[in-house]
């Protein structure tokens, strides 16, 4: 897959496995207390980083609510690496978690939950085009978990 086809902003839409986010969402919809709740949609941004031959930069942002009040943002920084055999993968270099509000919060470098997921690259498996050019789907395979799908707006 060519890097230019991946450039832009992508929004999470599906995964083929259940993790803590889905378990919390299902539990809270049935009235159960959940300490950490997903807020908003995960966004993946892939941008050109300068020269034509360099890898593209990747930024993934997850937002949550802790105890239904305190905002939590986890940011992943990495790069899109393209190989000669027309395959590509996202390699994550760093993670960071910010808990609280601007001016009143705390940053945690390399939080343990995100670091476990960061270790293995995410392979770009497919890009699906629907009837409209604006409704493209990107399929990423995470070796430690399964497949994630993102849509481009």
Protein backbone atom coordinates (compact mmCIF):
# COMPACT_ATOMS: atom_id res chain seq x y z
CA UNK A 1 0.00 0.00 0.00
CA UNK A 2 1.39 3.39 -0.95
CA UNK A 3 2.02 5.93 1.76
CA UNK A 4 0.10 8.64 -0.10
CA UNK A 5 -3.05 6.51 0.09
CA UNK A 6 -2.79 6.50 3.89
CA UNK A 7 -1.99 10.17 4.42
CA UNK A 8 -4.66 12.13 6.30
CA UNK A 9 -6.99 11.75 9.27
CA UNK A 10 -8.70 8.43 10.04
CA UNK A 11 -11.33 7.71 12.69
CA UNK A 12 -11.78 4.40 14.51
CA UNK A 13 -14.88 2.43 13.50
CA UNK A 14 -14.42 -1.31 14.27
CA UNK A 15 -12.24 -3.98 15.87
CA UNK A 16 -12.62 -7.75 15.61
CA UNK A 17 -11.98 -8.47 19.29
CA UNK A 18 -13.29 -7.24 22.62
CA UNK A 19 -11.05 -5.25 24.94
CA UNK A 20 -11.58 -3.23 28.11
CA UNK A 21 -13.15 -0.31 26.22
CA UNK A 22 -15.94 -2.47 24.79
CA UNK A 23 -16.48 -4.28 28.10
CA UNK A 24 -16.84 -0.92 29.86
CA UNK A 25 -19.22 0.39 27.20
CA UNK A 26 -21.42 -2.71 27.43
CA UNK A 27 -21.41 -2.62 31.24
CA UNK A 28 -22.22 1.10 31.48
CA UNK A 29 -25.10 0.74 29.00
CA UNK A 30 -26.61 -1.72 31.48
CA UNK A 31 -26.17 0.64 34.45
CA UNK A 32 -22.94 -0.83 35.85
CA UNK A 33 -20.20 1.42 37.24
CA UNK A 34 -17.15 1.66 34.99
CA UNK A 35 -14.13 3.66 36.16
CA UNK A 36 -12.77 4.35 32.65
CA UNK A 37 -15.07 5.20 29.75
CA UNK A 38 -14.17 5.96 26.13
CA UNK A 39 -15.08 9.52 25.17
CA UNK A 40 -15.24 10.47 21.53
CA UNK A 41 -13.64 8.65 18.63
CA UNK A 42 -10.03 7.55 18.39
CA UNK A 43 -8.24 9.55 15.69
CA UNK A 44 -5.24 8.39 13.65
CA UNK A 45 -3.35 11.09 11.72
CA UNK A 46 -0.69 10.24 9.15
CA UNK A 47 1.26 13.19 7.79
CA UNK A 48 4.33 13.79 5.65
CA UNK A 49 7.31 14.67 7.86
CA UNK A 50 9.49 16.64 5.47
CA UNK A 51 11.52 15.09 2.68
CA UNK A 52 9.98 12.86 0.02
CA UNK A 53 12.04 9.80 1.04
CA UNK A 54 11.46 9.95 4.80
CA UNK A 55 8.85 7.92 6.66
CA UNK A 56 5.51 9.57 7.32
CA UNK A 57 4.70 10.54 10.92
CA UNK A 58 1.76 8.90 12.70
CA UNK A 59 -0.20 10.24 15.68
CA UNK A 60 -2.99 8.32 17.41
CA UNK A 61 -5.12 9.96 20.13
CA UNK A 62 -7.52 8.13 22.48
CA UNK A 63 -9.72 10.13 24.89
CA UNK A 64 -11.40 8.69 27.99
CA UNK A 65 -13.19 9.81 31.15
CA UNK A 66 -11.98 8.57 34.51
CA UNK A 67 -14.78 8.15 37.05
CA UNK A 68 -17.10 9.95 34.62
CA UNK A 69 -15.47 13.33 35.28
CA UNK A 70 -11.69 13.49 34.80
CA UNK A 71 -10.49 13.62 31.17
CA UNK A 72 -7.72 11.22 30.13
CA UNK A 73 -5.89 11.46 26.81
CA UNK A 74 -3.43 8.84 25.54
CA UNK A 75 -1.23 9.87 22.64
CA UNK A 76 0.83 7.47 20.51
CA UNK A 77 3.67 8.80 18.33
CA UNK A 78 5.23 6.78 15.55
CA UNK A 79 5.90 6.44 11.86
CA UNK A 80 4.51 4.73 8.78
CA UNK A 81 7.26 2.51 7.37
CA UNK A 82 6.93 1.38 3.74
CA UNK A 83 8.83 -1.69 2.54
CA UNK A 84 9.95 -2.52 -1.00
CA UNK A 85 7.42 -5.35 -1.39
CA UNK A 86 4.53 -2.84 -1.33
CA UNK A 87 3.75 -3.53 2.34
CA UNK A 88 3.59 -0.96 5.15
CA UNK A 89 3.30 -0.89 8.91
CA UNK A 90 2.84 1.60 11.70
CA UNK A 91 5.72 1.47 14.18
CA UNK A 92 5.01 3.25 17.46
CA UNK A 93 7.99 5.00 19.09
CA UNK A 94 6.46 6.66 22.15
CA UNK A 95 3.29 6.94 24.24
CA UNK A 96 2.09 9.58 26.67
CA UNK A 97 -0.94 9.93 28.94
CA UNK A 98 -2.36 13.24 30.15
CA UNK A 99 -4.79 13.11 33.09
CA UNK A 100 -6.81 16.20 34.00
CA UNK A 101 -7.55 19.55 32.44
CA UNK A 102 -5.29 22.04 30.69
CA UNK A 103 -3.40 23.90 33.41
CA UNK A 104 -4.46 21.37 36.03
CA UNK A 105 -3.25 17.94 35.06
CA UNK A 106 -0.43 15.47 34.99
CA UNK A 107 1.52 13.86 32.15
CA UNK A 108 2.70 10.26 32.40
CA UNK A 109 5.39 9.21 29.93
CA UNK A 110 5.04 5.67 28.55
CA UNK A 111 2.05 4.45 30.62
CA UNK A 112 2.11 0.67 31.12
CA UNK A 113 -1.19 -0.23 29.34
CA UNK A 114 -0.25 1.71 26.19
CA UNK A 115 3.34 0.45 26.25
CA UNK A 116 2.19 -3.18 26.13
CA UNK A 117 0.26 -2.44 22.93
CA UNK A 118 2.99 -0.26 21.44
CA UNK A 119 5.63 -3.01 21.30
CA UNK A 120 4.46 -4.70 18.09
CA UNK A 121 3.93 -2.86 14.80
CA UNK A 122 0.51 -2.63 13.13
CA UNK A 123 0.48 -4.00 9.59
CA UNK A 124 -1.53 -2.14 6.97
CA UNK A 125 -3.55 -4.97 5.46
CA UNK A 126 -6.04 -3.29 3.14
CA UNK A 127 -7.72 -0.12 2.13
CA UNK A 128 -11.31 -0.54 1.06
CA UNK A 129 -13.14 1.99 -1.06
CA UNK A 130 -16.89 2.26 -0.87
CA UNK A 131 -19.07 3.91 -3.52
CA UNK A 132 -17.87 7.34 -2.39
CA UNK A 133 -14.21 8.39 -2.38
CA UNK A 134 -14.72 10.03 1.01
CA UNK A 135 -15.75 6.74 2.67
CA UNK A 136 -12.49 4.82 2.60
CA UNK A 137 -11.73 2.14 5.21
CA UNK A 138 -8.20 1.30 6.41
CA UNK A 139 -7.56 -2.15 7.91
CA UNK A 140 -4.70 -2.47 10.41
CA UNK A 141 -3.61 -5.80 11.86
CA UNK A 142 -2.17 -5.63 15.36
CA UNK A 143 -0.25 -8.87 16.03
CA UNK A 144 -0.95 -8.76 19.76
CA UNK A 145 -4.70 -8.25 19.39
CA UNK A 146 -6.42 -8.42 16.06
CA UNK A 147 -7.70 -6.18 13.29
CA UNK A 148 -8.66 -2.52 13.68
CA UNK A 149 -10.63 -0.59 11.06
CA UNK A 150 -10.46 3.17 10.58
CA UNK A 151 -12.54 5.31 8.22
CA UNK A 152 -11.46 8.45 6.45
CA UNK A 153 -13.74 11.45 6.52
